[in-house]
Amino acid sequence: MDDLDVVVPPLCATAGGIEVRPLVVRQLSPFAKALKKLPDDVIAGLSTGSINPLAIAEHCDVFAEAVAIATFTDVKTIGDMLPDRLVNLVGAVLEVNLDFFVRHLAPALNDRMGRVTARGQRLIAVAGSMSSSGSSSMDTSDPTSSTTR
């Protein structure tokens, strides 16, 4: 357990009787596509925590779709909820996945890309040293070729 676990426990949550877990690969694209239907100011409000309640009402169908995708729950079930339960689920989905992306995915991605970059640089250095040593010792002129026709 790291220090962050004491301050912010690892997240899986239950909101309104529905389990919320980090998104899996097959959910990423549909979830992102659902959220793209929201206007930029609503997305900005989600990230700053200052979302207008009317925005939730106006775009409740999009929020319901995104939550349904994120929780493997039927969109009708989400749509039949009271608005406060939908807000709690939206919050839980965002919180769980922010926690997962920040604490697990971003470090793993940074680590992997660091190793890929380092390996690529080593391969480029080896290839560069091979080509520079090979081209200086070879005569590339062709004694049989003629420049006049």
N, C-alpha and C. Protein backbone atom coordinates (compact mmCIF):
# COMPACT_ATOMS: atom_id res chain seq x y z
N MET A 1 0.86 -1.18 0.00
CA MET A 1 0.00 0.00 0.00
C MET A 1 0.90 1.23 0.00
N ASP A 2 0.65 2.14 -0.95
CA ASP A 2 1.44 3.36 -0.98
C ASP A 2 0.75 4.47 -0.21
N ASP A 3 1.44 5.61 -0.03
CA ASP A 3 0.89 6.72 0.74
C ASP A 3 -0.42 7.22 0.15
N LEU A 4 -0.55 7.17 -1.17
CA LEU A 4 -1.78 7.65 -1.81
C LEU A 4 -2.98 6.79 -1.44
N ASP A 5 -2.75 5.50 -1.20
CA ASP A 5 -3.85 4.61 -0.80
C ASP A 5 -4.45 5.02 0.54
N VAL A 6 -3.64 5.61 1.40
CA VAL A 6 -4.14 6.05 2.71
C VAL A 6 -5.03 7.27 2.53
N VAL A 7 -4.61 8.21 1.66
CA VAL A 7 -5.37 9.43 1.42
C VAL A 7 -6.56 9.17 0.51
N VAL A 8 -6.32 8.46 -0.60
CA VAL A 8 -7.36 8.16 -1.58
C VAL A 8 -7.36 6.65 -1.79
N PRO A 9 -8.28 5.93 -1.16
CA PRO A 9 -8.27 4.48 -1.30
C PRO A 9 -8.49 4.06 -2.75
N PRO A 10 -7.95 2.91 -3.14
CA PRO A 10 -8.19 2.41 -4.50
C PRO A 10 -9.69 2.33 -4.74
N LEU A 11 -10.10 2.67 -5.95
CA LEU A 11 -11.53 2.81 -6.17
C LEU A 11 -12.14 1.73 -7.04
N CYS A 12 -13.11 1.15 -6.52
CA CYS A 12 -14.21 0.48 -7.17
C CYS A 12 -15.35 0.96 -6.31
N ALA A 13 -16.45 1.27 -6.87
CA ALA A 13 -17.51 1.86 -6.09
C ALA A 13 -18.84 1.22 -6.43
N THR A 14 -19.78 1.43 -5.55
CA THR A 14 -21.16 1.06 -5.82
C THR A 14 -21.98 2.32 -5.63
N ALA A 15 -22.72 2.68 -6.65
CA ALA A 15 -23.58 3.86 -6.58
C ALA A 15 -24.97 3.45 -7.05
N GLY A 16 -25.93 3.66 -6.20
CA GLY A 16 -27.30 3.29 -6.56
C GLY A 16 -27.45 1.82 -6.82
N GLY A 17 -26.65 0.99 -6.12
CA GLY A 17 -26.73 -0.45 -6.30
C GLY A 17 -26.02 -0.96 -7.54
N ILE A 18 -25.34 -0.08 -8.28
CA ILE A 18 -24.63 -0.48 -9.50
C ILE A 18 -23.13 -0.38 -9.25
N GLU A 19 -22.42 -1.46 -9.56
CA GLU A 19 -20.98 -1.49 -9.35
C GLU A 19 -20.27 -0.67 -10.44
N VAL A 20 -19.33 0.13 -10.00
CA VAL A 20 -18.54 0.95 -10.91
C VAL A 20 -17.08 0.51 -10.79
N ARG A 21 -16.53 0.09 -11.91
CA ARG A 21 -15.14 -0.37 -11.96
C ARG A 21 -14.41 0.40 -13.06
N PRO A 22 -13.08 0.33 -13.09
CA PRO A 22 -12.37 0.98 -14.20
C PRO A 22 -12.82 0.41 -15.55
N LEU A 23 -12.86 1.27 -16.54
CA LEU A 23 -13.24 0.85 -17.89
C LEU A 23 -12.28 -0.20 -18.41
N VAL A 24 -12.81 -1.13 -19.18
CA VAL A 24 -11.97 -2.11 -19.88
C VAL A 24 -11.86 -1.66 -21.33
N VAL A 25 -10.97 -2.27 -22.05
CA VAL A 25 -10.66 -1.84 -23.41
C VAL A 25 -11.91 -1.74 -24.28
N ARG A 26 -12.78 -2.72 -24.23
CA ARG A 26 -13.96 -2.70 -25.12
C ARG A 26 -14.93 -1.58 -24.78
N GLN A 27 -14.80 -0.96 -23.62
CA GLN A 27 -15.66 0.16 -23.23
C GLN A 27 -15.09 1.52 -23.64
N LEU A 28 -13.78 1.60 -23.85
CA LEU A 28 -13.13 2.89 -24.05
C LEU A 28 -13.69 3.68 -25.22
N SER A 29 -13.75 3.09 -26.38
CA SER A 29 -14.21 3.81 -27.57
C SER A 29 -15.68 4.22 -27.46
N PRO A 30 -16.58 3.29 -27.11
CA PRO A 30 -17.98 3.72 -26.98
C PRO A 30 -18.18 4.79 -25.90
N PHE A 31 -17.44 4.68 -24.80
CA PHE A 31 -17.55 5.67 -23.71
C PHE A 31 -17.07 7.03 -24.20
N ALA A 32 -15.92 7.05 -24.88
CA ALA A 32 -15.39 8.31 -25.40
C ALA A 32 -16.34 8.92 -26.43
N LYS A 33 -16.89 8.09 -27.30
CA LYS A 33 -17.84 8.58 -28.31
C LYS A 33 -19.09 9.17 -27.66
N ALA A 34 -19.54 8.54 -26.59
CA ALA A 34 -20.71 9.07 -25.87
C ALA A 34 -20.38 10.44 -25.28
N LEU A 35 -19.23 10.55 -24.64
CA LEU A 35 -18.86 11.83 -24.01
C LEU A 35 -18.61 12.93 -25.03
N LYS A 36 -18.19 12.56 -26.23
CA LYS A 36 -17.96 13.57 -27.28
C LYS A 36 -19.26 14.26 -27.70
N LYS A 37 -20.38 13.66 -27.38
CA LYS A 37 -21.68 14.27 -27.71
C LYS A 37 -21.98 15.45 -26.79
N LEU A 38 -21.22 15.56 -25.69
CA LEU A 38 -21.43 16.67 -24.76
C LEU A 38 -20.71 17.92 -25.28
N PRO A 39 -21.32 19.09 -25.10
CA PRO A 39 -20.65 20.33 -25.50
C PRO A 39 -19.38 20.56 -24.67
N ASP A 40 -18.45 21.32 -25.22
CA ASP A 40 -17.17 21.58 -24.56
C ASP A 40 -17.34 22.19 -23.17
N ASP A 41 -18.33 23.07 -23.00
CA ASP A 41 -18.49 23.70 -21.69
C ASP A 41 -18.94 22.69 -20.64
N VAL A 42 -19.69 21.68 -21.05
CA VAL A 42 -20.12 20.65 -20.11
C VAL A 42 -18.92 19.78 -19.73
N ILE A 43 -18.11 19.41 -20.72
CA ILE A 43 -16.89 18.64 -20.44
C ILE A 43 -15.99 19.43 -19.51
N ALA A 44 -15.82 20.71 -19.78
CA ALA A 44 -15.00 21.56 -18.91
C ALA A 44 -15.57 21.58 -17.49
N GLY A 45 -16.88 21.66 -17.39
CA GLY A 45 -17.51 21.65 -16.08
C GLY A 45 -17.28 20.35 -15.32
N LEU A 46 -17.27 19.23 -16.05
CA LEU A 46 -17.00 17.94 -15.42
C LEU A 46 -15.59 17.91 -14.85
N SER A 47 -14.65 18.47 -15.60
CA SER A 47 -13.25 18.42 -15.15
C SER A 47 -12.96 19.40 -14.03
N THR A 48 -13.75 20.46 -13.92
CA THR A 48 -13.52 21.44 -12.85
C THR A 48 -14.48 21.28 -11.69
N GLY A 49 -15.49 20.44 -11.85
CA GLY A 49 -16.47 20.24 -10.79
C GLY A 49 -17.49 21.35 -10.70
N SER A 50 -17.63 22.12 -11.76
CA SER A 50 -18.59 23.23 -11.72
C SER A 50 -19.62 23.09 -12.84
N ILE A 51 -20.23 21.93 -12.89
CA ILE A 51 -21.21 21.69 -13.95
C ILE A 51 -22.55 22.30 -13.57
N ASN A 52 -23.17 22.89 -14.54
CA ASN A 52 -24.48 23.51 -14.37
C ASN A 52 -25.54 22.41 -14.29
N PRO A 53 -26.38 22.42 -13.26
CA PRO A 53 -27.42 21.38 -13.16
C PRO A 53 -28.33 21.33 -14.38
N LEU A 54 -28.54 22.46 -15.04
CA LEU A 54 -29.36 22.44 -16.25
C LEU A 54 -28.67 21.66 -17.38
N ALA A 55 -27.35 21.66 -17.37
CA ALA A 55 -26.62 20.89 -18.38
C ALA A 55 -26.87 19.41 -18.20
N ILE A 56 -26.94 18.98 -16.95
CA ILE A 56 -27.25 17.56 -16.69
C ILE A 56 -28.64 17.24 -17.21
N ALA A 57 -29.59 18.12 -16.94
CA ALA A 57 -30.96 17.89 -17.41
C ALA A 57 -31.01 17.89 -18.94
N GLU A 58 -30.34 18.83 -19.55
CA GLU A 58 -30.38 18.94 -21.01
C GLU A 58 -29.70 17.76 -21.70
N HIS A 59 -28.66 17.23 -21.07
CA HIS A 59 -27.88 16.16 -21.71
C HIS A 59 -27.97 14.85 -20.92
N CYS A 60 -29.07 14.65 -20.20
CA CYS A 60 -29.19 13.45 -19.37
C CYS A 60 -29.13 12.17 -20.20
N ASP A 61 -29.59 12.22 -21.45
CA ASP A 61 -29.53 11.03 -22.30
C ASP A 61 -28.09 10.63 -22.59
N VAL A 62 -27.23 11.63 -22.80
CA VAL A 62 -25.81 11.34 -23.06
C VAL A 62 -25.15 10.80 -21.80
N PHE A 63 -25.43 11.42 -20.66
CA PHE A 63 -24.88 10.92 -19.40
C PHE A 63 -25.37 9.50 -19.13
N ALA A 64 -26.64 9.23 -19.39
CA ALA A 64 -27.19 7.88 -19.18
C ALA A 64 -26.49 6.87 -20.09
N GLU A 65 -26.26 7.25 -21.35
CA GLU A 65 -25.56 6.36 -22.28
C GLU A 65 -24.14 6.07 -21.80
N ALA A 66 -23.42 7.11 -21.40
CA ALA A 66 -22.04 6.94 -20.94
C ALA A 66 -21.97 6.06 -19.70
N VAL A 67 -22.87 6.30 -18.75
CA VAL A 67 -22.90 5.50 -17.52
C VAL A 67 -23.28 4.06 -17.84
N ALA A 68 -24.23 3.86 -18.73
CA ALA A 68 -24.62 2.50 -19.12
C ALA A 68 -23.44 1.75 -19.71
N ILE A 69 -22.69 2.42 -20.57
CA ILE A 69 -21.51 1.79 -21.17
C ILE A 69 -20.49 1.47 -20.09
N ALA A 70 -20.24 2.41 -19.20
CA ALA A 70 -19.19 2.25 -18.18
C ALA A 70 -19.54 1.19 -17.14
N THR A 71 -20.81 0.92 -16.94
CA THR A 71 -21.22 -0.01 -15.88
C THR A 71 -21.82 -1.31 -16.41
N PHE A 72 -21.82 -1.48 -17.74
CA PHE A 72 -22.45 -2.66 -18.35
C PHE A 72 -23.91 -2.80 -17.88
N THR A 73 -24.59 -1.67 -17.80
CA THR A 73 -25.98 -1.64 -17.38
C THR A 73 -26.83 -1.19 -18.55
N ASP A 74 -28.03 -1.70 -18.65
CA ASP A 74 -28.94 -1.30 -19.72
C ASP A 74 -29.25 0.19 -19.60
N VAL A 75 -29.23 0.89 -20.73
CA VAL A 75 -29.48 2.34 -20.73
C VAL A 75 -30.88 2.66 -20.22
N LYS A 76 -31.84 1.76 -20.42
CA LYS A 76 -33.20 1.99 -19.91
C LYS A 76 -33.20 2.01 -18.38
N THR A 77 -32.43 1.12 -17.78
CA THR A 77 -32.31 1.09 -16.32
C THR A 77 -31.76 2.41 -15.81
N ILE A 78 -30.73 2.92 -16.48
CA ILE A 78 -30.14 4.20 -16.08
C ILE A 78 -31.16 5.31 -16.31
N GLY A 79 -31.85 5.28 -17.44
CA GLY A 79 -32.83 6.31 -17.76
C GLY A 79 -34.01 6.36 -16.81
N ASP A 80 -34.32 5.25 -16.16
CA ASP A 80 -35.44 5.19 -15.22
C ASP A 80 -35.05 5.64 -13.81
N MET A 81 -33.79 6.03 -13.62
CA MET A 81 -33.34 6.48 -12.30
C MET A 81 -33.77 7.90 -12.01
N LEU A 82 -33.81 8.21 -10.74
CA LEU A 82 -33.98 9.61 -10.33
C LEU A 82 -32.70 10.37 -10.68
N PRO A 83 -32.80 11.65 -11.00
CA PRO A 83 -31.63 12.42 -11.42
C PRO A 83 -30.47 12.41 -10.43
N ASP A 84 -30.76 12.40 -9.12
CA ASP A 84 -29.66 12.39 -8.16
C ASP A 84 -28.86 11.09 -8.21
N ARG A 85 -29.52 9.98 -8.52
CA ARG A 85 -28.80 8.70 -8.68
C ARG A 85 -27.92 8.74 -9.92
N LEU A 86 -28.42 9.36 -11.00
CA LEU A 86 -27.61 9.49 -12.21
C LEU A 86 -26.37 10.34 -11.91
N VAL A 87 -26.56 11.44 -11.20
CA VAL A 87 -25.42 12.31 -10.85
C VAL A 87 -24.41 11.53 -10.01
N ASN A 88 -24.89 10.73 -9.05
CA ASN A 88 -23.98 9.93 -8.23
C ASN A 88 -23.22 8.92 -9.08
N LEU A 89 -23.91 8.31 -10.03
CA LEU A 89 -23.24 7.34 -10.91
C LEU A 89 -22.23 8.02 -11.83
N VAL A 90 -22.59 9.16 -12.40
CA VAL A 90 -21.65 9.90 -13.25
C VAL A 90 -20.40 10.23 -12.43
N GLY A 91 -20.61 10.73 -11.22
CA GLY A 91 -19.48 11.05 -10.35
C GLY A 91 -18.62 9.84 -10.04
N ALA A 92 -19.27 8.71 -9.74
CA ALA A 92 -18.53 7.49 -9.42
C ALA A 92 -17.73 7.00 -10.63
N VAL A 93 -18.34 7.02 -11.81
CA VAL A 93 -17.64 6.57 -13.02
C VAL A 93 -16.42 7.45 -13.28
N LEU A 94 -16.59 8.76 -13.18
CA LEU A 94 -15.47 9.66 -13.42
C LEU A 94 -14.39 9.49 -12.36
N GLU A 95 -14.78 9.37 -11.10
CA GLU A 95 -13.83 9.24 -10.02
C GLU A 95 -13.03 7.94 -10.11
N VAL A 96 -13.73 6.84 -10.32
CA VAL A 96 -13.05 5.54 -10.42
C VAL A 96 -12.07 5.54 -11.59
N ASN A 97 -12.49 6.06 -12.71
CA ASN A 97 -11.63 6.00 -13.89
C ASN A 97 -10.51 7.03 -13.84
N LEU A 98 -10.73 8.16 -13.23
CA LEU A 98 -9.65 9.12 -13.04
C LEU A 98 -8.58 8.49 -12.15
N ASP A 99 -9.02 7.87 -11.08
CA ASP A 99 -8.09 7.19 -10.17
C ASP A 99 -7.29 6.13 -10.94
N PHE A 100 -7.97 5.32 -11.72
CA PHE A 100 -7.30 4.26 -12.47
C PHE A 100 -6.31 4.83 -13.48
N PHE A 101 -6.75 5.83 -14.25
CA PHE A 101 -5.88 6.39 -15.28
C PHE A 101 -4.66 7.07 -14.68
N VAL A 102 -4.87 7.83 -13.60
CA VAL A 102 -3.75 8.57 -13.00
C VAL A 102 -2.79 7.64 -12.27
N ARG A 103 -3.32 6.70 -11.51
CA ARG A 103 -2.46 5.88 -10.66
C ARG A 103 -1.93 4.63 -11.32
N HIS A 104 -2.59 4.17 -12.37
CA HIS A 104 -2.16 2.90 -12.98
C HIS A 104 -1.77 3.04 -14.45
N LEU A 105 -2.68 3.57 -15.25
CA LEU A 105 -2.45 3.60 -16.68
C LEU A 105 -1.35 4.57 -17.09
N ALA A 106 -1.40 5.80 -16.60
CA ALA A 106 -0.38 6.79 -16.99
C ALA A 106 1.03 6.33 -16.62
N PRO A 107 1.27 5.85 -15.39
CA PRO A 107 2.63 5.38 -15.08
C PRO A 107 3.05 4.19 -15.94
N ALA A 108 2.13 3.27 -16.20
CA ALA A 108 2.48 2.12 -17.05
C ALA A 108 2.81 2.57 -18.46
N LEU A 109 2.02 3.49 -18.99
CA LEU A 109 2.26 4.01 -20.34
C LEU A 109 3.59 4.75 -20.40
N ASN A 110 3.85 5.60 -19.41
CA ASN A 110 5.12 6.33 -19.38
C ASN A 110 6.32 5.40 -19.28
N ASP A 111 6.20 4.36 -18.45
CA ASP A 111 7.28 3.39 -18.32
C ASP A 111 7.52 2.66 -19.63
N ARG A 112 6.46 2.18 -20.25
CA ARG A 112 6.59 1.44 -21.51
C ARG A 112 7.17 2.32 -22.61
N MET A 113 6.66 3.54 -22.73
CA MET A 113 7.15 4.42 -23.78
C MET A 113 8.60 4.82 -23.52
N GLY A 114 8.99 4.95 -22.27
CA GLY A 114 10.40 5.23 -21.94
C GLY A 114 11.30 4.10 -22.41
N ARG A 115 10.86 2.85 -22.18
CA ARG A 115 11.65 1.70 -22.63
C ARG A 115 11.69 1.62 -24.16
N VAL A 116 10.57 1.90 -24.82
CA VAL A 116 10.52 1.87 -26.29
C VAL A 116 11.46 2.95 -26.85
N THR A 117 11.40 4.14 -26.29
CA THR A 117 12.27 5.23 -26.75
C THR A 117 13.74 4.89 -26.57
N ALA A 118 14.09 4.36 -25.41
CA ALA A 118 15.48 3.99 -25.15
C ALA A 118 15.96 2.92 -26.12
N ARG A 119 15.12 1.92 -26.36
CA ARG A 119 15.50 0.86 -27.31
C ARG A 119 15.63 1.43 -28.72
N GLY A 120 14.71 2.29 -29.10
CA GLY A 120 14.80 2.91 -30.43
C GLY A 120 16.07 3.72 -30.59
N GLN A 121 16.46 4.45 -29.56
CA GLN A 121 17.69 5.24 -29.64
C GLN A 121 18.91 4.34 -29.76
N ARG A 122 18.91 3.20 -29.03
CA ARG A 122 20.03 2.26 -29.15
C ARG A 122 20.10 1.67 -30.55
N LEU A 123 18.94 1.31 -31.11
CA LEU A 123 18.92 0.74 -32.46
C LEU A 123 19.39 1.76 -33.50
N ILE A 124 18.97 3.00 -33.35
CA ILE A 124 19.41 4.07 -34.27
C ILE A 124 20.91 4.27 -34.16
N ALA A 125 21.44 4.25 -32.95
CA ALA A 125 22.88 4.42 -32.76
C ALA A 125 23.66 3.27 -33.40
N VAL A 126 23.17 2.05 -33.22
CA VAL A 126 23.83 0.88 -33.82
C VAL A 126 23.75 0.97 -35.34
N ALA A 127 22.59 1.28 -35.87
CA ALA A 127 22.42 1.38 -37.32
C ALA A 127 23.30 2.50 -37.87
N GLY A 128 23.39 3.60 -37.17
CA GLY A 128 24.23 4.72 -37.62
C GLY A 128 25.70 4.35 -37.64
N SER A 129 26.15 3.63 -36.63
CA SER A 129 27.56 3.25 -36.60
C SER A 129 27.87 2.20 -37.67
N MET A 130 26.91 1.35 -37.97
CA MET A 130 27.12 0.34 -39.01
C MET A 130 27.18 0.99 -40.39
N SER A 131 26.32 1.93 -40.67
CA SER A 131 26.30 2.54 -41.99
C SER A 131 27.50 3.47 -42.20
N SER A 132 27.93 4.17 -41.16
CA SER A 132 29.07 5.07 -41.34
C SER A 132 30.36 4.29 -41.47
N SER A 133 30.52 3.15 -40.81
CA SER A 133 31.74 2.36 -40.95
C SER A 133 31.73 1.58 -42.26
N GLY A 134 30.58 1.19 -42.73
CA GLY A 134 30.49 0.41 -43.96
C GLY A 134 30.65 1.26 -45.20
N SER A 135 30.18 2.48 -45.23
CA SER A 135 30.23 3.28 -46.44
C SER A 135 31.60 3.87 -46.68
N SER A 136 32.42 4.03 -45.65
CA SER A 136 33.73 4.65 -45.86
C SER A 136 34.72 3.68 -46.46
N SER A 137 34.53 2.38 -46.30
CA SER A 137 35.50 1.42 -46.80
C SER A 137 35.12 0.86 -48.16
N MET A 138 33.97 1.18 -48.67
CA MET A 138 33.54 0.61 -49.94
C MET A 138 33.67 1.64 -51.05
N ASP A 139 34.20 1.20 -52.20
CA ASP A 139 34.26 2.05 -53.38
C ASP A 139 32.99 1.79 -54.17
N THR A 140 32.20 2.82 -54.37
CA THR A 140 30.92 2.63 -55.02
C THR A 140 30.95 2.96 -56.51
N SER A 141 32.09 3.30 -57.03
CA SER A 141 32.14 3.60 -58.46
C SER A 141 32.12 2.30 -59.26
N ASP A 142 31.54 2.37 -60.45
CA ASP A 142 31.42 1.21 -61.31
C ASP A 142 32.32 1.44 -62.52
N PRO A 143 33.42 0.69 -62.64
CA PRO A 143 34.36 0.91 -63.73
C PRO A 143 33.77 0.62 -65.11
N THR A 144 32.68 -0.12 -65.18
CA THR A 144 32.11 -0.46 -66.48
C THR A 144 31.09 0.56 -66.95
N SER A 145 30.71 1.48 -66.07
CA SER A 145 29.70 2.45 -66.50
C SER A 145 30.35 3.56 -67.28
N SER A 146 29.62 4.10 -68.20
CA SER A 146 30.13 5.16 -69.04
C SER A 146 29.19 6.35 -68.95
N THR A 147 29.76 7.55 -68.92
CA THR A 147 28.94 8.76 -68.85
C THR A 147 28.64 9.28 -70.23
N THR A 148 29.26 8.75 -71.26
CA THR A 148 28.96 9.20 -72.62
C THR A 148 28.21 8.12 -73.35
N ARG A 149 27.34 8.53 -74.23
CA ARG A 149 26.55 7.57 -74.99
C ARG A 149 26.84 7.68 -76.43
